[in-house]
Amino acid sequence: MVSAEAARNVVGIIVWSCDFLYLLDGLTFIGQNIGCSPTFYRICKNKDVEEFQPYPYAATVLNCLFWILYGLPIVKPDSTLVVTINSVGLVFELIYLSIFCVFDTQNKGRKKVFLVLFGEVIFMAAIVATTFLAFHTHARRTLFVGVFCDIFNIMMYASPLTIVKKVVTTKSVEFMPLSLSLANFLNGCVWTAYALIRFDIFMLVSNGIGAFFGFLQLVLYAFYYKSTPKRGSQDVKPSEIQLSASDAASRA
């Protein structure tokens, strides 16, 4: 008979695999070959960030940091996979932001990125200090950090839905990549299963909601797919493409 711990580890490995594939979504040298987001390929090709925005990736950095804190043994024991996955996700998010800063030739957003990251570091330091100085049991630390994790995780899952208005107005899913929507849905489902094996209310709530948001995106994609103009049939303006939320490795 398979133990709950063994089942949880198997699901965790599946999560890691899904998240790793999701992380590749933004990489320029892989994205061009596997049909992932063209964002960073476009930035590198044009050597300019144009009107792309780095904020979703900066926000995901904070999300990764919170889940790394949540998975530490002194906060939530037996959560090694949570720390591992989000550590990898954090590295990828920083790579994304580095690419943005390198090709921000007009210095339109570079200073803002540094200020946002600096603010996140200060905020995270305050949370860490509060966690270890004000709370002295695993249960209380988990509760305190878990609430913040859920807030930022739900925001990250919901961020692709900001494109819904454009999809409905233009009757086109050109700017809502299927890979992103599918990764959202699968990531939410697998993390929900992971949370259920050894019940974790914080992982369950945010990822259950995330799976629902991913399902809504897939329904929307299926509904408007046929009405989407074929690539090359219309001009694409830089302002019409935004950086997607990122990287499932940042999820937990």
Protein backbone atom coordinates (compact mmCIF):
# COMPACT_ATOMS: atom_id res chain seq x y z
CA MET A 1 0.00 0.00 0.00
CA VAL A 2 1.41 3.36 -1.06
CA SER A 3 1.94 5.79 1.81
CA ALA A 4 0.62 9.34 1.73
CA GLU A 5 4.19 10.67 1.83
CA ALA A 6 5.21 8.63 -1.24
CA ALA A 7 2.10 9.72 -3.15
CA ARG A 8 2.76 13.32 -2.21
CA ASN A 9 6.34 13.09 -3.50
CA VAL A 10 5.16 11.60 -6.81
CA VAL A 11 2.66 14.42 -7.28
CA GLY A 12 5.37 16.89 -6.31
CA ILE A 13 7.66 15.56 -9.03
CA ILE A 14 4.82 15.94 -11.55
CA VAL A 15 4.36 19.51 -10.34
CA TRP A 16 8.05 20.19 -10.80
CA SER A 17 7.93 18.80 -14.34
CA CYS A 18 4.88 20.90 -15.25
CA ASP A 19 6.37 24.00 -13.73
CA PHE A 20 9.71 23.48 -15.47
CA LEU A 21 7.98 23.30 -18.85
CA TYR A 22 6.00 26.38 -17.92
CA LEU A 23 9.19 28.24 -17.06
CA LEU A 24 10.51 27.61 -20.55
CA ASP A 25 7.61 29.68 -21.87
CA GLY A 26 9.54 32.90 -21.61
CA LEU A 27 12.97 31.77 -22.78
CA THR A 28 13.79 33.16 -26.21
CA PHE A 29 15.90 30.30 -27.51
CA ILE A 30 13.27 27.68 -26.63
CA GLY A 31 10.12 29.73 -27.09
CA GLN A 32 10.73 30.09 -30.84
CA ASN A 33 10.94 26.31 -31.32
CA ILE A 34 8.09 25.04 -29.15
CA GLY A 35 5.53 27.74 -29.87
CA CYS A 36 5.77 29.43 -26.48
CA SER A 37 5.43 33.11 -25.73
CA PRO A 38 7.34 35.22 -28.28
CA THR A 39 7.87 38.06 -25.84
CA PHE A 40 11.56 37.67 -25.08
CA TYR A 41 12.39 36.48 -28.58
CA ARG A 42 10.89 39.72 -29.88
CA ILE A 43 12.79 41.82 -27.32
CA CYS A 44 16.12 40.17 -28.16
CA LYS A 45 15.50 40.30 -31.89
CA ASN A 46 14.61 44.00 -31.87
CA LYS A 47 17.12 44.81 -29.10
CA ASP A 48 14.44 46.98 -27.54
CA VAL A 49 11.72 46.40 -24.94
CA GLU A 50 9.36 48.67 -26.92
CA GLU A 51 6.18 48.93 -24.84
CA PHE A 52 6.47 45.63 -23.01
CA GLN A 53 5.94 45.76 -19.25
CA PRO A 54 8.12 43.91 -16.68
CA TYR A 55 5.72 44.22 -13.75
CA PRO A 56 4.08 40.75 -13.94
CA TYR A 57 7.54 39.18 -13.64
CA ALA A 58 8.53 41.49 -10.82
CA ALA A 59 5.31 40.53 -9.01
CA THR A 60 6.07 36.85 -9.51
CA VAL A 61 9.50 37.35 -7.91
CA LEU A 62 7.71 38.34 -4.71
CA ASN A 63 5.36 35.37 -5.04
CA CYS A 64 8.33 33.00 -5.33
CA LEU A 65 10.00 34.56 -2.30
CA PHE A 66 6.88 34.08 -0.19
CA TRP A 67 6.54 30.40 -1.13
CA ILE A 68 10.23 29.79 -0.47
CA LEU A 69 9.72 31.26 3.01
CA TYR A 70 6.57 29.16 3.45
CA GLY A 71 8.39 25.94 2.57
CA LEU A 72 11.31 26.42 4.96
CA PRO A 73 11.48 23.75 7.70
CA ILE A 74 11.19 26.40 10.42
CA VAL A 75 7.89 27.58 8.92
CA LYS A 76 6.29 24.55 7.24
CA PRO A 77 8.15 21.25 7.79
CA ASP A 78 8.36 18.62 5.02
CA SER A 79 7.91 21.10 2.18
CA THR A 80 11.23 20.66 0.37
CA LEU A 81 9.61 20.50 -3.07
CA VAL A 82 7.89 23.84 -2.51
CA VAL A 83 11.24 25.46 -1.78
CA THR A 84 12.96 23.72 -4.71
CA ILE A 85 10.35 24.61 -7.31
CA ASN A 86 10.05 28.22 -6.29
CA SER A 87 13.81 28.66 -6.05
CA VAL A 88 14.08 27.58 -9.69
CA GLY A 89 11.18 29.89 -10.53
CA LEU A 90 12.89 32.80 -8.80
CA VAL A 91 16.02 32.29 -10.92
CA PHE A 92 13.98 32.32 -14.12
CA GLU A 93 12.07 35.45 -13.12
CA LEU A 94 15.33 37.25 -12.42
CA ILE A 95 16.63 36.15 -15.83
CA TYR A 96 13.50 37.60 -17.46
CA LEU A 97 13.96 40.91 -15.66
CA SER A 98 17.66 40.96 -16.53
CA ILE A 99 16.80 40.59 -20.22
CA PHE A 100 14.35 43.46 -19.90
CA CYS A 101 16.94 45.71 -18.25
CA VAL A 102 19.66 44.86 -20.80
CA PHE A 103 17.44 45.80 -23.75
CA ASP A 104 15.76 48.78 -22.12
CA THR A 105 17.79 51.07 -24.39
CA GLN A 106 15.76 54.18 -23.61
CA ASN A 107 15.84 53.52 -19.86
CA LYS A 108 12.04 53.68 -19.75
CA GLY A 109 11.52 50.97 -17.15
CA ARG A 110 14.93 49.96 -15.82
CA LYS A 111 14.84 52.32 -12.84
CA LYS A 112 11.29 51.26 -12.05
CA VAL A 113 12.34 47.59 -12.06
CA PHE A 114 15.16 48.31 -9.61
CA LEU A 115 12.85 50.35 -7.38
CA VAL A 116 10.16 47.65 -7.41
CA LEU A 117 12.69 44.91 -6.60
CA PHE A 118 14.21 47.05 -3.85
CA GLY A 119 10.74 47.62 -2.39
CA GLU A 120 10.03 43.89 -2.55
CA VAL A 121 13.27 43.10 -0.72
CA ILE A 122 12.40 45.59 2.04
CA PHE A 123 8.85 44.24 2.29
CA MET A 124 10.07 40.64 2.35
CA ALA A 125 12.65 41.46 5.02
CA ALA A 126 9.89 42.94 7.19
CA ILE A 127 7.75 39.81 6.74
CA VAL A 128 10.67 37.51 7.56
CA ALA A 129 11.52 39.50 10.68
CA THR A 130 7.90 39.49 11.81
CA THR A 131 7.55 35.75 11.13
CA PHE A 132 10.49 34.75 13.29
CA LEU A 133 10.28 37.41 16.00
CA ALA A 134 6.53 37.58 16.58
CA PHE A 135 5.55 33.95 16.03
CA HIS A 136 7.23 31.04 17.78
CA THR A 137 5.36 27.95 16.58
CA HIS A 138 5.11 26.25 13.19
CA ALA A 139 1.33 26.65 13.18
CA ARG A 140 1.40 30.40 13.69
CA ARG A 141 4.23 30.98 11.26
CA THR A 142 2.45 28.88 8.63
CA LEU A 143 -0.77 30.84 9.13
CA PHE A 144 0.94 34.23 8.89
CA VAL A 145 3.06 33.45 5.82
CA GLY A 146 0.35 31.31 4.19
CA VAL A 147 -2.12 34.19 4.04
CA PHE A 148 0.36 36.32 2.09
CA CYS A 149 1.21 33.35 -0.17
CA ASP A 150 -2.46 32.88 -1.05
CA ILE A 151 -2.99 36.56 -1.80
CA PHE A 152 -0.06 36.81 -4.22
CA ASN A 153 -0.66 33.36 -5.72
CA ILE A 154 -4.27 34.20 -6.58
CA MET A 155 -3.15 37.51 -8.07
CA MET A 156 -0.62 35.67 -10.22
CA TYR A 157 -3.18 33.11 -11.43
CA ALA A 158 -5.70 35.85 -12.21
CA SER A 159 -3.29 38.15 -14.05
CA PRO A 160 -3.75 36.50 -17.50
CA LEU A 161 -7.49 37.26 -17.20
CA THR A 162 -6.66 40.96 -17.64
CA ILE A 163 -6.60 40.24 -21.38
CA VAL A 164 -10.23 39.01 -21.39
CA LYS A 165 -11.65 42.38 -22.42
CA LYS A 166 -9.37 42.51 -25.47
CA VAL A 167 -10.21 38.90 -26.38
CA VAL A 168 -13.96 39.56 -26.25
CA THR A 169 -13.68 42.92 -28.04
CA THR A 170 -11.44 41.69 -30.87
CA LYS A 171 -12.85 38.13 -30.91
CA SER A 172 -9.24 37.00 -31.04
CA VAL A 173 -7.07 34.94 -28.68
CA GLU A 174 -3.85 36.03 -30.38
CA PHE A 175 -2.62 37.73 -27.23
CA MET A 176 -3.74 34.98 -24.84
CA PRO A 177 -1.34 32.08 -25.60
CA LEU A 178 -2.78 28.58 -25.24
CA SER A 179 0.43 27.39 -23.56
CA LEU A 180 -0.01 29.94 -20.78
CA SER A 181 -3.68 29.11 -20.21
CA LEU A 182 -3.06 25.36 -20.28
CA ALA A 183 -0.10 25.69 -17.91
CA ASN A 184 -2.25 27.73 -15.51
CA PHE A 185 -4.94 25.05 -15.50
CA LEU A 186 -2.64 22.03 -15.17
CA ASN A 187 -0.44 23.75 -12.61
CA GLY A 188 -3.45 24.61 -10.46
CA CYS A 189 -4.87 21.09 -10.72
CA VAL A 190 -1.64 19.31 -9.83
CA TRP A 191 -0.83 21.63 -6.93
CA THR A 192 -4.37 21.14 -5.65
CA ALA A 193 -3.84 17.37 -5.70
CA TYR A 194 -0.51 17.88 -3.92
CA ALA A 195 -2.25 19.92 -1.20
CA LEU A 196 -5.00 17.32 -0.74
CA ILE A 197 -2.68 14.36 -0.13
CA ARG A 198 -1.44 15.91 3.08
CA PHE A 199 -4.05 18.56 3.66
CA ASP A 200 -2.65 22.09 3.29
CA ILE A 201 -5.40 24.71 3.30
CA PHE A 202 -3.22 27.53 1.97
CA MET A 203 -1.94 25.60 -1.03
CA LEU A 204 -5.42 24.19 -1.62
CA VAL A 205 -7.30 27.50 -1.65
CA SER A 206 -5.06 29.50 -3.96
CA ASN A 207 -4.34 26.65 -6.38
CA GLY A 208 -7.97 25.51 -6.45
CA ILE A 209 -8.93 29.03 -7.46
CA GLY A 210 -6.02 29.05 -9.90
CA ALA A 211 -7.26 25.85 -11.57
CA PHE A 212 -10.68 27.48 -11.97
CA PHE A 213 -9.16 30.60 -13.52
CA GLY A 214 -7.13 28.40 -15.88
CA PHE A 215 -10.30 26.54 -16.87
CA LEU A 216 -12.02 29.85 -17.67
CA GLN A 217 -9.10 30.81 -19.90
CA LEU A 218 -9.30 27.51 -21.79
CA VAL A 219 -13.06 27.94 -22.30
CA LEU A 220 -12.49 31.46 -23.58
CA TYR A 221 -9.71 30.26 -25.88
CA ALA A 222 -11.89 27.47 -27.33
CA PHE A 223 -14.80 29.89 -27.88
CA TYR A 224 -12.80 32.52 -29.78
CA TYR A 225 -10.18 30.34 -31.45
CA LYS A 226 -11.98 30.03 -34.79
CA SER A 227 -12.61 33.78 -35.03
CA THR A 228 -8.92 34.61 -34.43
CA PRO A 229 -7.25 36.06 -37.56
CA LYS A 230 -4.47 33.94 -38.97
CA ARG A 231 -0.92 35.09 -38.24
CA GLY A 232 0.20 37.59 -40.84
CA SER A 233 -3.32 38.68 -41.78
CA GLN A 234 -3.08 41.83 -39.68
CA ASP A 235 -0.38 44.05 -38.25
CA VAL A 236 0.61 43.57 -34.67
CA LYS A 237 1.36 46.66 -32.67
CA PRO A 238 3.94 46.45 -29.90
CA SER A 239 1.48 48.03 -27.49
CA GLU A 240 -0.90 45.13 -28.01
CA ILE A 241 1.44 42.57 -26.53
CA GLN A 242 2.17 42.46 -22.83
CA LEU A 243 4.40 40.22 -20.81
CA SER A 244 2.46 37.29 -19.48
CA ALA A 245 2.47 36.39 -15.87
CA SER A 246 4.84 34.05 -15.33
CA ASP A 247 6.24 31.10 -14.69
CA ALA A 248 4.71 28.25 -13.01
CA ALA A 249 7.78 27.52 -11.29
CA SER A 250 6.90 30.42 -9.30
CA ARG A 251 3.71 28.80 -8.33
CA ALA A 252 3.02 26.78 -5.32
